[in-house]
PDB file of N, CA and C in Angstrom:
ATOM      1  N   MET A   1       0.805  -1.207   0.000  1.00  0.00           N
ATOM      2  CA  MET A   1       0.000   0.000   0.000  1.00  0.00           C
ATOM      3  C   MET A   1       0.847   1.270   0.000  1.00  0.00           C
ATOM      4  N   ALA A   2       1.945   1.256   0.737  1.00  0.00           N
ATOM      5  CA  ALA A   2       2.781   2.457   0.814  1.00  0.00           C
ATOM      6  C   ALA A   2       3.432   2.750  -0.532  1.00  0.00           C
ATOM      7  N   ALA A   3       3.765   1.686  -1.288  1.00  0.00           N
ATOM      8  CA  ALA A   3       4.370   1.893  -2.600  1.00  0.00           C
ATOM      9  C   ALA A   3       3.378   2.550  -3.547  1.00  0.00           C
ATOM     10  N   ASP A   4       2.120   2.134  -3.481  1.00  0.00           N
ATOM     11  CA  ASP A   4       1.096   2.749  -4.325  1.00  0.00           C
ATOM     12  C   ASP A   4       0.902   4.209  -3.960  1.00  0.00           C
ATOM     13  N   ARG A   5       0.898   4.495  -2.682  1.00  0.00           N
ATOM     14  CA  ARG A   5       0.714   5.874  -2.229  1.00  0.00           C
ATOM     15  C   ARG A   5       1.883   6.758  -2.670  1.00  0.00           C
ATOM     16  N   GLY A   6       3.102   6.262  -2.527  1.00  0.00           N
ATOM     17  CA  GLY A   6       4.275   7.018  -2.945  1.00  0.00           C
ATOM     18  C   GLY A   6       4.294   7.247  -4.444  1.00  0.00           C
ATOM     19  N   ARG A   7       3.926   6.217  -5.200  1.00  0.00           N
ATOM     20  CA  ARG A   7       3.892   6.350  -6.654  1.00  0.00           C
ATOM     21  C   ARG A   7       2.831   7.347  -7.080  1.00  0.00           C
ATOM     22  N   ARG A   8       1.681   7.318  -6.421  1.00  0.00           N
ATOM     23  CA  ARG A   8       0.591   8.246  -6.729  1.00  0.00           C
ATOM     24  C   ARG A   8       1.008   9.683  -6.451  1.00  0.00           C
ATOM     25  N   ILE A   9       1.685   9.918  -5.340  1.00  0.00           N
ATOM     26  CA  ILE A   9       2.159  11.265  -4.998  1.00  0.00           C
ATOM     27  C   ILE A   9       3.187  11.729  -6.027  1.00  0.00           C
ATOM     28  N   ALA A  10       4.098  10.847  -6.431  1.00  0.00           N
ATOM     29  CA  ALA A  10       5.119  11.212  -7.421  1.00  0.00           C
ATOM     30  C   ALA A  10       4.483  11.572  -8.759  1.00  0.00           C
ATOM     31  N   VAL A  11       3.480  10.826  -9.171  1.00  0.00           N
ATOM     32  CA  VAL A  11       2.799  11.114 -10.435  1.00  0.00           C
ATOM     33  C   VAL A  11       2.096  12.464 -10.365  1.00  0.00           C
ATOM     34  N   ILE A  12       1.455  12.756  -9.257  1.00  0.00           N
ATOM     35  CA  ILE A  12       0.775  14.046  -9.091  1.00  0.00           C
ATOM     36  C   ILE A  12       1.787  15.191  -9.140  1.00  0.00           C
ATOM     37  N   VAL A  13       2.918  15.034  -8.468  1.00  0.00           N
ATOM     38  CA  VAL A  13       3.957  16.069  -8.480  1.00  0.00           C
ATOM     39  C   VAL A  13       4.473  16.296  -9.899  1.00  0.00           C
ATOM     40  N   LEU A  14       4.708  15.223 -10.640  1.00  0.00           N
ATOM     41  CA  LEU A  14       5.212  15.360 -12.008  1.00  0.00           C
ATOM     42  C   LEU A  14       4.195  16.025 -12.924  1.00  0.00           C
ATOM     43  N   ILE A  15       2.924  15.700 -12.763  1.00  0.00           N
ATOM     44  CA  ILE A  15       1.877  16.342 -13.574  1.00  0.00           C
ATOM     45  C   ILE A  15       1.803  17.836 -13.259  1.00  0.00           C
ATOM     46  N   VAL A  16       1.882  18.193 -11.993  1.00  0.00           N
ATOM     47  CA  VAL A  16       1.856  19.604 -11.608  1.00  0.00           C
ATOM     48  C   VAL A  16       3.064  20.330 -12.192  1.00  0.00           C
ATOM     49  N   LEU A  17       4.234  19.690 -12.158  1.00  0.00           N
ATOM     50  CA  LEU A  17       5.433  20.314 -12.726  1.00  0.00           C
ATOM     51  C   LEU A  17       5.288  20.554 -14.221  1.00  0.00           C
ATOM     52  N   LEU A  18       4.625  19.644 -14.915  1.00  0.00           N
ATOM     53  CA  LEU A  18       4.418  19.819 -16.349  1.00  0.00           C
ATOM     54  C   LEU A  18       3.395  20.899 -16.661  1.00  0.00           C
ATOM     55  N   LEU A  19       2.379  21.029 -15.820  1.00  0.00           N
ATOM     56  CA  LEU A  19       1.298  21.972 -16.102  1.00  0.00           C
ATOM     57  C   LEU A  19       1.544  23.372 -15.543  1.00  0.00           C
ATOM     58  N   LEU A  20       2.461  23.535 -14.637  1.00  0.00           N
ATOM     59  CA  LEU A  20       2.690  24.825 -13.984  1.00  0.00           C
ATOM     60  C   LEU A  20       3.071  25.958 -14.933  1.00  0.00           C
ATOM     61  N   PRO A  21       3.926  25.749 -15.920  1.00  0.00           N
ATOM     62  CA  PRO A  21       4.296  26.870 -16.797  1.00  0.00           C
ATOM     63  C   PRO A  21       3.148  27.377 -17.675  1.00  0.00           C
ATOM     64  N   LEU A  22       2.186  26.549 -17.998  1.00  0.00           N
ATOM     65  CA  LEU A  22       1.103  26.977 -18.885  1.00  0.00           C
ATOM     66  C   LEU A  22       0.317  28.167 -18.335  1.00  0.00           C
ATOM     67  N   PRO A  23      -0.246  28.107 -17.135  1.00  0.00           N
ATOM     68  CA  PRO A  23      -0.973  29.287 -16.649  1.00  0.00           C
ATOM     69  C   PRO A  23      -0.042  30.447 -16.294  1.00  0.00           C
ATOM     70  N   ALA A  24       1.212  30.148 -15.958  1.00  0.00           N
ATOM     71  CA  ALA A  24       2.140  31.218 -15.588  1.00  0.00           C
ATOM     72  C   ALA A  24       2.489  32.103 -16.778  1.00  0.00           C
ATOM     73  N   THR A  25       2.382  31.580 -17.984  1.00  0.00           N
ATOM     74  CA  THR A  25       2.717  32.388 -19.151  1.00  0.00           C
ATOM     75  C   THR A  25       1.624  33.387 -19.497  1.00  0.00           C
ATOM     76  N   VAL A  26       0.405  33.162 -19.026  1.00  0.00           N
ATOM     77  CA  VAL A  26      -0.697  34.070 -19.358  1.00  0.00           C
ATOM     78  C   VAL A  26      -1.075  34.989 -18.195  1.00  0.00           C
ATOM     79  N   LEU A  27      -0.401  34.880 -17.074  1.00  0.00           N
ATOM     80  CA  LEU A  27      -0.689  35.750 -15.935  1.00  0.00           C
ATOM     81  C   LEU A  27      -0.310  37.186 -16.261  1.00  0.00           C
ATOM     82  N   PRO A  28      -1.020  38.136 -15.686  1.00  0.00           N
ATOM     83  CA  PRO A  28      -0.655  39.544 -15.912  1.00  0.00           C
ATOM     84  C   PRO A  28       0.748  39.844 -15.394  1.00  0.00           C
ATOM     85  N   GLY A  29       1.450  40.646 -16.116  1.00  0.00           N
ATOM     86  CA  GLY A  29       2.801  41.004 -15.710  1.00  0.00           C
ATOM     87  C   GLY A  29       3.845  40.035 -16.225  1.00  0.00           C
ATOM     88  N   SER A  30       3.431  38.970 -16.883  1.00  0.00           N
ATOM     89  CA  SER A  30       4.318  37.973 -17.481  1.00  0.00           C
ATOM     90  C   SER A  30       5.413  37.525 -16.499  1.00  0.00           C
ATOM     91  N   PRO A  31       5.051  36.798 -15.435  1.00  0.00           N
ATOM     92  CA  PRO A  31       6.048  36.403 -14.441  1.00  0.00           C
ATOM     93  C   PRO A  31       7.144  35.486 -14.988  1.00  0.00           C
ATOM     94  N   MET A  32       6.870  34.774 -16.071  1.00  0.00           N
ATOM     95  CA  MET A  32       7.903  33.900 -16.625  1.00  0.00           C
ATOM     96  C   MET A  32       8.947  34.677 -17.419  1.00  0.00           C
ATOM     97  N   ALA A  33       8.696  35.947 -17.693  1.00  0.00           N
ATOM     98  CA  ALA A  33       9.675  36.770 -18.402  1.00  0.00           C
ATOM     99  C   ALA A  33      10.617  37.479 -17.429  1.00  0.00           C
ATOM    100  N   ILE A  34      10.392  37.340 -16.139  1.00  0.00           N
ATOM    101  CA  ILE A  34      11.280  37.937 -15.138  1.00  0.00           C
ATOM    102  C   ILE A  34      12.656  37.302 -15.282  1.00  0.00           C
ATOM    103  N   ARG A  35      13.673  38.112 -15.171  1.00  0.00           N
ATOM    104  CA  ARG A  35      15.034  37.611 -15.328  1.00  0.00           C
ATOM    105  C   ARG A  35      15.753  37.559 -13.981  1.00  0.00           C
ATOM    106  N   ILE A  36      16.424  36.450 -13.759  1.00  0.00           N
ATOM    107  CA  ILE A  36      17.261  36.271 -12.577  1.00  0.00           C
ATOM    108  C   ILE A  36      18.661  35.980 -13.097  1.00  0.00           C
ATOM    109  N   ALA A  37      19.603  36.802 -12.726  1.00  0.00           N
ATOM    110  CA  ALA A  37      20.985  36.699 -13.218  1.00  0.00           C
ATOM    111  C   ALA A  37      21.024  36.736 -14.739  1.00  0.00           C
ATOM    112  N   GLY A  38      20.129  37.504 -15.344  1.00  0.00           N
ATOM    113  CA  GLY A  38      20.112  37.668 -16.782  1.00  0.00           C
ATOM    114  C   GLY A  38      19.446  36.544 -17.556  1.00  0.00           C
ATOM    115  N   VAL A  39      18.882  35.578 -16.840  1.00  0.00           N
ATOM    116  CA  VAL A  39      18.254  34.423 -17.482  1.00  0.00           C
ATOM    117  C   VAL A  39      16.765  34.425 -17.114  1.00  0.00           C
ATOM    118  N   PRO A  40      15.875  34.195 -18.107  1.00  0.00           N
ATOM    119  CA  PRO A  40      14.442  34.207 -17.812  1.00  0.00           C
ATOM    120  C   PRO A  40      14.041  33.148 -16.784  1.00  0.00           C
ATOM    121  N   LEU A  41      13.033  33.454 -16.001  1.00  0.00           N
ATOM    122  CA  LEU A  41      12.546  32.564 -14.955  1.00  0.00           C
ATOM    123  C   LEU A  41      12.094  31.224 -15.523  1.00  0.00           C
ATOM    124  N   LEU A  42      11.504  31.225 -16.713  1.00  0.00           N
ATOM    125  CA  LEU A  42      11.073  29.972 -17.332  1.00  0.00           C
ATOM    126  C   LEU A  42      12.263  29.043 -17.575  1.00  0.00           C
ATOM    127  N   TRP A  43      13.403  29.606 -17.935  1.00  0.00           N
ATOM    128  CA  TRP A  43      14.594  28.784 -18.135  1.00  0.00           C
ATOM    129  C   TRP A  43      15.041  28.163 -16.819  1.00  0.00           C
ATOM    130  N   TRP A  44      15.055  28.956 -15.754  1.00  0.00           N
ATOM    131  CA  TRP A  44      15.425  28.430 -14.443  1.00  0.00           C
ATOM    132  C   TRP A  44      14.496  27.293 -14.038  1.00  0.00           C
ATOM    133  N   TYR A  45      13.204  27.499 -14.295  1.00  0.00           N
ATOM    134  CA  TYR A  45      12.222  26.462 -13.955  1.00  0.00           C
ATOM    135  C   TYR A  45      12.483  25.193 -14.759  1.00  0.00           C
ATOM    136  N   ALA A  46      12.646  25.329 -16.077  1.00  0.00           N
ATOM    137  CA  ALA A  46      12.792  24.166 -16.949  1.00  0.00           C
ATOM    138  C   ALA A  46      14.131  23.460 -16.763  1.00  0.00           C
ATOM    139  N   ALA A  47      15.181  24.218 -16.484  1.00  0.00           N
ATOM    140  CA  ALA A  47      16.513  23.624 -16.412  1.00  0.00           C
ATOM    141  C   ALA A  47      16.943  23.209 -15.007  1.00  0.00           C
ATOM    142  N   LEU A  48      16.334  23.792 -13.989  1.00  0.00           N
ATOM    143  CA  LEU A  48      16.824  23.545 -12.636  1.00  0.00           C
ATOM    144  C   LEU A  48      15.729  23.105 -11.669  1.00  0.00           C
ATOM    145  N   VAL A  49      14.702  23.903 -11.518  1.00  0.00           N
ATOM    146  CA  VAL A  49      13.693  23.648 -10.482  1.00  0.00           C
ATOM    147  C   VAL A  49      12.892  22.383 -10.763  1.00  0.00           C
ATOM    148  N   ALA A  50      12.337  22.257 -11.953  1.00  0.00           N
ATOM    149  CA  ALA A  50      11.497  21.103 -12.269  1.00  0.00           C
ATOM    150  C   ALA A  50      12.275  19.779 -12.223  1.00  0.00           C
ATOM    151  N   PRO A  51      13.452  19.687 -12.842  1.00  0.00           N
ATOM    152  CA  PRO A  51      14.178  18.412 -12.755  1.00  0.00           C
ATOM    153  C   PRO A  51      14.577  18.032 -11.322  1.00  0.00           C
ATOM    154  N   LEU A  52      14.994  19.018 -10.530  1.00  0.00           N
ATOM    155  CA  LEU A  52      15.351  18.707  -9.141  1.00  0.00           C
ATOM    156  C   LEU A  52      14.143  18.255  -8.337  1.00  0.00           C
ATOM    157  N   THR A  53      13.016  18.929  -8.528  1.00  0.00           N
ATOM    158  CA  THR A  53      11.796  18.539  -7.821  1.00  0.00           C
ATOM    159  C   THR A  53      11.342  17.154  -8.251  1.00  0.00           C
ATOM    160  N   ALA A  54      11.438  16.856  -9.536  1.00  0.00           N
ATOM    161  CA  ALA A  54      11.068  15.533 -10.030  1.00  0.00           C
ATOM    162  C   ALA A  54      11.978  14.454  -9.447  1.00  0.00           C
ATOM    163  N   ALA A  55      13.268  14.735  -9.367  1.00  0.00           N
ATOM    164  CA  ALA A  55      14.206  13.768  -8.799  1.00  0.00           C
ATOM    165  C   ALA A  55      13.919  13.521  -7.322  1.00  0.00           C
ATOM    166  N   VAL A  56      13.631  14.573  -6.587  1.00  0.00           N
ATOM    167  CA  VAL A  56      13.299  14.414  -5.166  1.00  0.00           C
ATOM    168  C   VAL A  56      12.005  13.629  -5.004  1.00  0.00           C
ATOM    169  N   ALA A  57      10.996  13.911  -5.834  1.00  0.00           N
ATOM    170  CA  ALA A  57       9.734  13.173  -5.767  1.00  0.00           C
ATOM    171  C   ALA A  57       9.956  11.703  -6.077  1.00  0.00           C
ATOM    172  N   LEU A  58      10.796  11.419  -7.051  1.00  0.00           N
ATOM    173  CA  LEU A  58      11.093  10.035  -7.402  1.00  0.00           C
ATOM    174  C   LEU A  58      11.814   9.319  -6.274  1.00  0.00           C
ATOM    175  N   LEU A  59      12.799   9.978  -5.684  1.00  0.00           N
ATOM    176  CA  LEU A  59      13.541   9.361  -4.580  1.00  0.00           C
ATOM    177  C   LEU A  59      12.632   9.119  -3.369  1.00  0.00           C
ATOM    178  N   LEU A  60      11.768  10.083  -3.082  1.00  0.00           N
ATOM    179  CA  LEU A  60      10.853   9.909  -1.956  1.00  0.00           C
ATOM    180  C   LEU A  60       9.842   8.809  -2.224  1.00  0.00           C
ATOM    181  N   SER A  61       9.364   8.697  -3.462  1.00  0.00           N
ATOM    182  CA  SER A  61       8.387   7.661  -3.761  1.00  0.00           C
ATOM    183  C   SER A  61       9.023   6.276  -3.678  1.00  0.00           C
ATOM    184  N   ARG A  62      10.291   6.160  -4.065  1.00  0.00           N
ATOM    185  CA  ARG A  62      10.978   4.887  -3.952  1.00  0.00           C
ATOM    186  C   ARG A  62      11.325   4.586  -2.492  1.00  0.00           C
ATOM    187  N   GLY A  63      11.522   5.627  -1.705  1.00  0.00           N
ATOM    188  CA  GLY A  63      11.827   5.431  -0.289  1.00  0.00           C
ATOM    189  C   GLY A  63      10.626   4.981   0.520  1.00  0.00           C
ATOM    190  N   LEU A  64       9.419   5.224   0.040  1.00  0.00           N
ATOM    191  CA  LEU A  64       8.215   4.808   0.759  1.00  0.00           C
ATOM    192  C   LEU A  64       7.858   3.345   0.529  1.00  0.00           C
ATOM    193  N   ARG A  65       8.609   2.652  -0.323  1.00  0.00           N
ATOM    194  CA  ARG A  65       8.323   1.232  -0.592  1.00  0.00           C
ATOM    195  C   ARG A  65       8.692   0.348   0.540  1.00  0.00           C
TER     196      ARG A  65
END
């Protein structure tokens, strides 16, 4: 049962990570166009935040087995 629960949580986290940039691109003020260290926020999300979060979710889901 714990493995199913961990896998379900990991799948939900991954789906949220995939869907998060879509509404953020249409928000007023264009938050994904904000630059941090000269690089757009969307790049930081796609190259750093999302992969790290996915890896942590995967490790945690495997740890709940």
